[in-house]
Amino acid sequence: MSRKLKLVMVDWIDTTTHGGWRDREEFVKEAKAMMCRTVGFQVGDDGECLKMAATLSSTDDCNDRSSIPKGCIIRKQVLDVLLPKLDREKKAHK
């Protein structure tokens, strides 16, 4: 990996959607936003969204990506974890 990345935990509010016909008053009474927690590597921040990835490769690719709007973030905590360098030459455990 070309740069040092932070491992972070983010608590944020997400929207929910509901399909099908429903009584409007029941929907207004029962529909709620959802609290979420995402843990991963902070791979970017464009000022509008925090960019996170759960999986990183030794070639600097990322997978399981999330882009969380900053206006939805309730709390962000940097996790104090010592991460060893990812080595391309390591063999799988048997």
Foldseek 3Di string as FASTA:
>chain_A
DPDDWFWKKWKFWAADDDDDDDDPVVCVVPGDIDIDIDTATQPDDPPQWTKGAHDADLVGDGPPIDTHGPVGTPDMDTDPDDDDRHDPPDDDDD
